Amino acid sequence: MQIQLKADTKKLTKHLSFIQKQQVPFATSKALNDVAFDARTAIQTALPKKLDRPTKGLIKSVIVEKSKKKHLIARVGFVGKGFGKSLWSESPAVIMARLISGGTRKPKGQAIAVPIVKNIKLNKFGNLPRKKISKLLANPKRYFSGKPTGRDGGVFERIKKKGKPGKLKMLASYESSTTYDAGRFNLSKIVSKTVAKKYKARFNAALSKALASAK
């Protein structure tokens, strides 16, 4: 899941002479790359604000494909789906596509553990990690996995109070799939806002440097 950045420099270069315009492709490429990295920073900053505790790996998975003087297109986005190489079984691009455009995720095993309580650290999918489940179930006197009578299947905690009957608290429910609504992370808006704010200054700085070095 990535966005391409292209440049429209006609308004910014109409005052230049023919010789000066020879430096425009170099300045444009430099400006595109600079603003692409600006967008990368903006995306990484927005992730923990818009999503519930994204992992460091997901935040670091935002990458930039640089523009070249003869190919004035830069790209910024999440690695995967033909954009860079991901070692994850499900790439950050695929994960974020559901949060950006919406979609459904099926479990690799029998079910997906969807957390019910808020004080449990989640994995990059926003679900209860297998290691966390295993750690809880290592204490069977307090936690168990199953489907109690009259309840849905999931991970439960036994709540015991002195002088009172014990209760079961569901920590996570087992679901056959999870559905994501579109718009949980507005990648296009973040990038567009950054480009609108930063590109002109980036281009002017790059052009000034190019013209100075060409003298």
Protein backbone atom coordinates (compact mmCIF):
# COMPACT_ATOMS: atom_id res chain seq x y z
CA MET A 1 0.00 0.00 0.00
CA GLN A 2 1.83 3.09 -1.25
CA ILE A 3 1.27 6.49 -2.85
CA GLN A 4 3.12 7.96 -5.82
CA LEU A 5 4.38 11.53 -5.69
CA LYS A 6 4.61 13.43 -8.97
CA ALA A 7 5.65 17.02 -9.50
CA ASP A 8 4.00 19.88 -11.35
CA THR A 9 6.70 22.54 -11.55
CA LYS A 10 5.31 24.80 -14.31
CA LYS A 11 4.13 27.51 -11.91
CA LEU A 12 7.35 27.34 -9.92
CA THR A 13 9.69 27.59 -12.94
CA LYS A 14 7.95 29.91 -15.43
CA HIS A 15 10.24 32.81 -14.45
CA LEU A 16 13.46 30.88 -15.22
CA SER A 17 15.64 31.29 -18.29
CA PHE A 18 16.24 28.43 -20.71
CA ILE A 19 19.67 27.69 -19.19
CA GLN A 20 18.31 27.78 -15.66
CA LYS A 21 15.56 25.36 -16.61
CA GLN A 22 18.22 22.75 -17.35
CA GLN A 23 18.55 22.33 -13.57
CA VAL A 24 14.83 21.74 -13.02
CA PRO A 25 14.82 17.92 -13.38
CA PHE A 26 17.59 17.59 -10.78
CA ALA A 27 15.84 20.01 -8.39
CA THR A 28 12.50 18.29 -8.93
CA SER A 29 13.93 14.86 -8.18
CA LYS A 30 15.62 16.15 -5.03
CA ALA A 31 12.43 17.88 -3.86
CA LEU A 32 10.32 14.78 -4.51
CA ASN A 33 12.70 12.65 -2.47
CA ASP A 34 12.84 15.15 0.37
CA VAL A 35 9.07 15.48 0.58
CA ALA A 36 8.67 11.69 0.33
CA PHE A 37 10.78 11.34 3.46
CA ASP A 38 8.74 14.13 5.05
CA ALA A 39 5.64 12.06 4.28
CA ARG A 40 7.30 8.95 5.72
CA THR A 41 7.89 10.79 9.00
CA ALA A 42 4.31 12.05 9.02
CA ILE A 43 2.95 8.52 8.49
CA GLN A 44 5.13 7.07 11.23
CA THR A 45 4.07 9.85 13.61
CA ALA A 46 0.39 9.28 12.82
CA LEU A 47 0.41 5.49 13.31
CA PRO A 48 0.41 5.43 17.14
CA LYS A 49 -2.11 8.29 17.18
CA LYS A 50 -4.59 6.63 14.84
CA LEU A 51 -4.10 2.94 15.67
CA ASP A 52 -4.10 1.06 18.97
CA ARG A 53 -0.48 0.42 19.93
CA PRO A 54 1.07 -0.44 16.54
CA THR A 55 4.28 -2.44 16.80
CA LYS A 56 7.70 -0.92 16.19
CA GLY A 57 8.02 -3.25 13.20
CA LEU A 58 4.90 -1.82 11.59
CA ILE A 59 6.07 1.74 12.16
CA LYS A 60 9.48 0.97 10.66
CA SER A 61 7.86 -0.73 7.65
CA VAL A 62 7.10 2.65 6.02
CA ILE A 63 9.60 3.01 3.17
CA VAL A 64 10.47 5.40 0.34
CA GLU A 65 11.32 4.61 -3.27
CA LYS A 66 13.34 7.55 -4.53
CA SER A 67 12.77 9.57 -7.68
CA LYS A 68 15.46 9.87 -10.35
CA LYS A 69 16.21 12.77 -12.67
CA LYS A 70 14.86 10.79 -15.64
CA HIS A 71 11.99 9.24 -13.69
CA LEU A 72 10.32 11.97 -11.66
CA ILE A 73 8.15 9.79 -9.44
CA ALA A 74 8.79 9.00 -5.78
CA ARG A 75 6.74 6.51 -3.76
CA VAL A 76 6.07 6.25 -0.06
CA GLY A 77 4.08 3.63 1.82
CA PHE A 78 4.12 0.29 3.60
CA VAL A 79 6.44 -2.46 2.42
CA GLY A 80 4.91 -5.39 0.55
CA LYS A 81 2.59 -6.12 -2.41
CA GLY A 82 5.43 -5.46 -4.86
CA PHE A 83 6.73 -2.40 -3.01
CA GLY A 84 10.01 -3.43 -1.41
CA LYS A 85 10.46 -6.84 0.21
CA SER A 86 8.78 -8.02 3.38
CA LEU A 87 9.79 -11.08 5.45
CA TRP A 88 6.47 -11.14 7.29
CA SER A 89 4.04 -13.97 6.50
CA GLU A 90 1.49 -11.22 5.90
CA SER A 91 3.19 -8.02 4.78
CA PRO A 92 2.63 -4.58 6.36
CA ALA A 93 1.12 -3.47 3.03
CA VAL A 94 -1.55 -6.17 3.26
CA ILE A 95 -2.23 -5.43 6.94
CA MET A 96 -2.53 -1.69 6.38
CA ALA A 97 -4.65 -2.11 3.23
CA ARG A 98 -7.46 -3.40 5.48
CA LEU A 99 -7.10 -0.44 7.84
CA ILE A 100 -6.99 2.04 4.96
CA SER A 101 -9.54 0.59 2.53
CA GLY A 102 -11.35 -1.94 4.72
CA GLY A 103 -11.50 -5.71 4.34
CA THR A 104 -11.74 -9.09 6.05
CA ARG A 105 -9.02 -11.25 7.57
CA LYS A 106 -9.32 -15.00 7.90
CA PRO A 107 -7.43 -16.97 10.57
CA LYS A 108 -4.41 -19.10 9.73
CA GLY A 109 -5.62 -21.65 12.28
CA GLN A 110 -9.09 -22.39 13.59
CA ALA A 111 -9.93 -18.91 14.87
CA ILE A 112 -8.71 -15.38 15.57
CA ALA A 113 -8.43 -14.27 19.19
CA VAL A 114 -10.08 -10.84 19.32
CA PRO A 115 -9.47 -9.02 22.64
CA ILE A 116 -12.42 -7.91 24.74
CA VAL A 117 -10.54 -6.00 27.45
CA LYS A 118 -8.32 -2.98 26.76
CA ASN A 119 -5.40 -3.61 29.10
CA ILE A 120 -3.84 -6.44 27.08
CA LYS A 121 -0.96 -5.69 24.72
CA LEU A 122 -1.98 -6.49 21.15
CA ASN A 123 0.00 -7.67 18.16
CA LYS A 124 0.41 -5.84 14.84
CA PHE A 125 -3.00 -7.10 13.72
CA GLY A 126 -4.75 -5.62 16.75
CA ASN A 127 -5.42 -9.10 18.14
CA LEU A 128 -4.21 -11.11 21.13
CA PRO A 129 -0.77 -12.62 20.32
CA ARG A 130 -0.37 -16.41 20.50
CA LYS A 131 2.55 -16.04 22.90
CA LYS A 132 0.38 -14.00 25.22
CA ILE A 133 -2.36 -16.63 25.10
CA SER A 134 0.16 -19.39 25.84
CA LYS A 135 1.55 -17.39 28.75
CA LEU A 136 -1.92 -16.94 30.23
CA LEU A 137 -2.86 -20.58 29.76
CA ALA A 138 0.35 -21.63 31.54
CA ASN A 139 -1.57 -20.67 34.69
CA PRO A 140 -4.63 -22.95 34.32
CA LYS A 141 -5.93 -22.21 37.82
CA ARG A 142 -6.62 -18.63 36.71
CA TYR A 143 -6.97 -18.79 32.91
CA PHE A 144 -8.39 -21.25 30.39
CA SER A 145 -9.40 -21.51 26.75
CA GLY A 146 -12.73 -23.01 25.81
CA LYS A 147 -16.47 -22.55 25.45
CA PRO A 148 -18.26 -22.48 28.82
CA THR A 149 -21.95 -23.37 28.92
CA GLY A 150 -23.99 -20.50 27.57
CA ARG A 151 -20.93 -18.53 26.47
CA ASP A 152 -19.03 -18.07 23.20
CA GLY A 153 -15.60 -19.63 22.81
CA GLY A 154 -12.58 -17.65 23.92
CA VAL A 155 -9.94 -17.06 26.57
CA PHE A 156 -11.33 -16.63 30.10
CA GLU A 157 -10.07 -15.53 33.49
CA ARG A 158 -11.46 -17.08 36.69
CA ILE A 159 -12.34 -14.26 39.08
CA LYS A 160 -12.52 -15.45 42.68
CA LYS A 161 -13.59 -13.39 45.67
CA LYS A 162 -13.68 -14.54 49.26
CA GLY A 163 -17.14 -15.60 50.33
CA LYS A 164 -18.56 -15.17 46.82
CA PRO A 165 -19.00 -17.61 43.91
CA GLY A 166 -16.40 -17.38 41.19
CA LYS A 167 -17.08 -15.57 37.93
CA LEU A 168 -15.66 -15.91 34.43
CA LYS A 169 -14.30 -12.87 32.64
CA MET A 170 -13.80 -13.15 28.88
CA LEU A 171 -10.47 -11.68 27.80
CA ALA A 172 -10.69 -12.57 24.11
CA SER A 173 -13.31 -14.15 21.89
CA TYR A 174 -12.58 -16.66 19.14
CA GLU A 175 -13.82 -15.37 15.79
CA SER A 176 -13.88 -17.06 12.37
CA SER A 177 -12.87 -13.74 10.77
CA THR A 178 -12.41 -10.08 11.57
CA THR A 179 -13.79 -7.22 9.48
CA TYR A 180 -12.16 -3.81 9.24
CA ASP A 181 -13.99 -0.63 8.29
CA ALA A 182 -12.35 1.65 5.73
CA GLY A 183 -10.79 4.86 6.93
CA ARG A 184 -9.18 3.75 10.16
CA PHE A 185 -5.91 5.10 8.75
CA ASN A 186 -6.17 7.78 6.06
CA LEU A 187 -2.86 7.37 4.24
CA SER A 188 -3.84 9.56 1.30
CA LYS A 189 -4.83 12.50 3.51
CA ILE A 190 -1.61 12.33 5.53
CA VAL A 191 0.59 12.28 2.43
CA SER A 192 -1.41 14.94 0.55
CA LYS A 193 -1.29 17.28 3.53
CA THR A 194 2.48 16.84 3.84
CA VAL A 195 3.08 17.46 0.14
CA ALA A 196 0.91 20.59 0.16
CA LYS A 197 2.77 21.93 3.18
CA LYS A 198 6.34 20.98 2.28
CA TYR A 199 6.84 20.61 -1.48
CA LYS A 200 7.14 24.24 -2.56
CA ALA A 201 9.82 25.01 0.04
CA ARG A 202 11.65 21.76 -0.74
CA PHE A 203 11.65 22.52 -4.47
CA ASN A 204 12.79 26.15 -4.06
CA ALA A 205 15.64 25.07 -1.80
CA ALA A 206 16.72 22.32 -4.21
CA LEU A 207 16.52 24.64 -7.21
CA SER A 208 18.53 27.39 -5.49
CA LYS A 209 21.23 24.86 -4.65
CA ALA A 210 21.24 23.50 -8.20
CA LEU A 211 21.48 26.97 -9.78
CA ALA A 212 24.29 27.97 -7.42
CA SER A 213 26.31 24.87 -8.25
CA ALA A 214 25.75 25.37 -12.00
CA LYS A 215 27.38 28.79 -12.06
